[in-house]
């Protein structure tokens, strides 16, 4: 299933920069960055449970926010991109030349 993950981390608070970096690194393990704090992750339900647990262990719920948008198995068909920085689709685009 395709899950869109967005986050907002307070970098002015103690440890904010480290939390921001760790959330981004964790998301990169499961998907691709499509904007600064937005990731598209193609995961199984079991992988999502693990990913969510990792992210919620990193963020500070009093200062930061995480949002998960579930686009489902056909999620790629629901995404339209216009403008700069197109992101390759790992399932459709060949990454090896």
C-alpha atoms as a PDB file:
ATOM      1  CA  UNK A   1       0.000   0.000   0.000  1.00  0.00           C
ATOM      2  CA  UNK A   2       1.096   3.555  -0.637  1.00  0.00           C
ATOM      3  CA  UNK A   3       1.352   5.761   2.454  1.00  0.00           C
ATOM      4  CA  UNK A   4       2.137   9.454   2.321  1.00  0.00           C
ATOM      5  CA  UNK A   5       3.972  10.560   5.466  1.00  0.00           C
ATOM      6  CA  UNK A   6       4.314  14.208   6.422  1.00  0.00           C
ATOM      7  CA  UNK A   7       5.915  15.656   9.506  1.00  0.00           C
ATOM      8  CA  UNK A   8       6.628  18.937  11.226  1.00  0.00           C
ATOM      9  CA  UNK A   9       9.424  18.927  13.792  1.00  0.00           C
ATOM     10  CA  UNK A  10      10.221  21.847  16.062  1.00  0.00           C
ATOM     11  CA  UNK A  11      13.905  22.504  15.450  1.00  0.00           C
ATOM     12  CA  UNK A  12      14.022  25.349  17.967  1.00  0.00           C
ATOM     13  CA  UNK A  13      13.442  22.924  20.838  1.00  0.00           C
ATOM     14  CA  UNK A  14      16.129  20.771  22.458  1.00  0.00           C
ATOM     15  CA  UNK A  15      17.044  17.876  20.191  1.00  0.00           C
ATOM     16  CA  UNK A  16      14.769  19.105  17.387  1.00  0.00           C
ATOM     17  CA  UNK A  17      17.408  19.001  14.672  1.00  0.00           C
ATOM     18  CA  UNK A  18      18.389  15.465  15.656  1.00  0.00           C
ATOM     19  CA  UNK A  19      14.726  14.339  15.681  1.00  0.00           C
ATOM     20  CA  UNK A  20      14.196  15.908  12.265  1.00  0.00           C
ATOM     21  CA  UNK A  21      17.242  14.111  10.838  1.00  0.00           C
ATOM     22  CA  UNK A  22      16.275  10.760  12.398  1.00  0.00           C
ATOM     23  CA  UNK A  23      12.691  10.934  11.141  1.00  0.00           C
ATOM     24  CA  UNK A  24      13.939  11.675   7.615  1.00  0.00           C
ATOM     25  CA  UNK A  25      16.458   8.812   7.757  1.00  0.00           C
ATOM     26  CA  UNK A  26      13.798   6.398   8.973  1.00  0.00           C
ATOM     27  CA  UNK A  27      11.403   7.422   6.212  1.00  0.00           C
ATOM     28  CA  UNK A  28      14.162   6.982   3.618  1.00  0.00           C
ATOM     29  CA  UNK A  29      14.467   3.344   4.719  1.00  0.00           C
ATOM     30  CA  UNK A  30      10.881   2.785   3.545  1.00  0.00           C
ATOM     31  CA  UNK A  31      10.270   5.221   0.717  1.00  0.00           C
ATOM     32  CA  UNK A  32      11.272   8.284  -1.272  1.00  0.00           C
ATOM     33  CA  UNK A  33      11.324  11.932  -0.303  1.00  0.00           C
ATOM     34  CA  UNK A  34       8.983  13.902  -2.565  1.00  0.00           C
ATOM     35  CA  UNK A  35       9.241  17.224  -0.699  1.00  0.00           C
ATOM     36  CA  UNK A  36      11.235  18.427   2.288  1.00  0.00           C
ATOM     37  CA  UNK A  37       9.052  16.819   4.964  1.00  0.00           C
ATOM     38  CA  UNK A  38       6.975  14.522   2.758  1.00  0.00           C
ATOM     39  CA  UNK A  39       7.670  10.892   1.879  1.00  0.00           C
ATOM     40  CA  UNK A  40       5.878   8.359  -0.305  1.00  0.00           C
ATOM     41  CA  UNK A  41       6.317   4.891   1.178  1.00  0.00           C
ATOM     42  CA  UNK A  42       5.269   1.676  -0.532  1.00  0.00           C
ATOM     43  CA  UNK A  43       4.855  -0.740   2.395  1.00  0.00           C
ATOM     44  CA  UNK A  44       2.972  -3.804   3.488  1.00  0.00           C
ATOM     45  CA  UNK A  45       0.645  -3.464   6.484  1.00  0.00           C
ATOM     46  CA  UNK A  46       3.259  -5.212   8.658  1.00  0.00           C
ATOM     47  CA  UNK A  47       6.010  -2.872   7.458  1.00  0.00           C
ATOM     48  CA  UNK A  48       3.790   0.118   8.196  1.00  0.00           C
ATOM     49  CA  UNK A  49       3.312  -1.025  11.803  1.00  0.00           C
ATOM     50  CA  UNK A  50       7.095  -1.169  12.238  1.00  0.00           C
ATOM     51  CA  UNK A  51       7.631   2.175  10.462  1.00  0.00           C
ATOM     52  CA  UNK A  52       4.987   3.937  12.547  1.00  0.00           C
ATOM     53  CA  UNK A  53       6.440   2.524  15.769  1.00  0.00           C
ATOM     54  CA  UNK A  54       9.909   3.768  14.809  1.00  0.00           C
ATOM     55  CA  UNK A  55       8.649   7.244  13.942  1.00  0.00           C
ATOM     56  CA  UNK A  56       6.512   7.642  17.043  1.00  0.00           C
ATOM     57  CA  UNK A  57       9.496   6.619  19.160  1.00  0.00           C
ATOM     58  CA  UNK A  58      11.563   9.427  17.624  1.00  0.00           C
ATOM     59  CA  UNK A  59       9.195  12.395  17.595  1.00  0.00           C
ATOM     60  CA  UNK A  60       8.114  14.537  20.562  1.00  0.00           C
ATOM     61  CA  UNK A  61       4.285  14.566  20.601  1.00  0.00           C
ATOM     62  CA  UNK A  62       4.234  17.813  22.583  1.00  0.00           C
ATOM     63  CA  UNK A  63       6.291  19.685  19.962  1.00  0.00           C
ATOM     64  CA  UNK A  64       6.168  17.724  16.688  1.00  0.00           C
ATOM     65  CA  UNK A  65       3.510  16.225  14.444  1.00  0.00           C
ATOM     66  CA  UNK A  66       3.286  13.220  12.137  1.00  0.00           C
ATOM     67  CA  UNK A  67       0.548  12.602   9.566  1.00  0.00           C
ATOM     68  CA  UNK A  68      -0.111   9.381   7.660  1.00  0.00           C
ATOM     69  CA  UNK A  69      -2.254   9.384   4.503  1.00  0.00           C
ATOM     70  CA  UNK A  70      -3.274   5.940   3.278  1.00  0.00           C
ATOM     71  CA  UNK A  71      -3.597   5.842  -0.500  1.00  0.00           C
ATOM     72  CA  UNK A  72      -3.960   2.068  -0.705  1.00  0.00           C
ATOM     73  CA  UNK A  73      -2.742  -0.520  -3.189  1.00  0.00           C
ATOM     74  CA  UNK A  74      -3.719   1.604  -6.190  1.00  0.00           C
ATOM     75  CA  UNK A  75      -2.247   4.761  -4.666  1.00  0.00           C
ATOM     76  CA  UNK A  76       0.252   5.393  -7.468  1.00  0.00           C
ATOM     77  CA  UNK A  77      -2.655   5.886  -9.866  1.00  0.00           C
ATOM     78  CA  UNK A  78      -4.026   8.618  -7.580  1.00  0.00           C
ATOM     79  CA  UNK A  79      -0.856  10.734  -7.624  1.00  0.00           C
ATOM     80  CA  UNK A  80      -0.364  13.457 -10.215  1.00  0.00           C
ATOM     81  CA  UNK A  81       2.865  15.441 -10.262  1.00  0.00           C
ATOM     82  CA  UNK A  82       3.287  18.813 -11.942  1.00  0.00           C
ATOM     83  CA  UNK A  83       6.422  20.932 -11.834  1.00  0.00           C
ATOM     84  CA  UNK A  84      10.027  20.592 -10.821  1.00  0.00           C
ATOM     85  CA  UNK A  85      11.757  17.677  -9.162  1.00  0.00           C
ATOM     86  CA  UNK A  86       9.869  14.662 -10.488  1.00  0.00           C
ATOM     87  CA  UNK A  87      10.420  11.619  -8.298  1.00  0.00           C
ATOM     88  CA  UNK A  88      11.095   8.300 -10.042  1.00  0.00           C
ATOM     89  CA  UNK A  89       8.595   5.545  -9.369  1.00  0.00           C
ATOM     90  CA  UNK A  90      10.658   2.650  -8.015  1.00  0.00           C
ATOM     91  CA  UNK A  91       8.050   0.132  -9.165  1.00  0.00           C
ATOM     92  CA  UNK A  92       7.721   1.420 -12.734  1.00  0.00           C
ATOM     93  CA  UNK A  93      10.906   3.315 -13.606  1.00  0.00           C
ATOM     94  CA  UNK A  94      14.178   1.570 -14.269  1.00  0.00           C
ATOM     95  CA  UNK A  95      16.863   2.929 -11.984  1.00  0.00           C
ATOM     96  CA  UNK A  96      19.650   1.033 -13.780  1.00  0.00           C
ATOM     97  CA  UNK A  97      20.837   2.408 -17.101  1.00  0.00           C
END
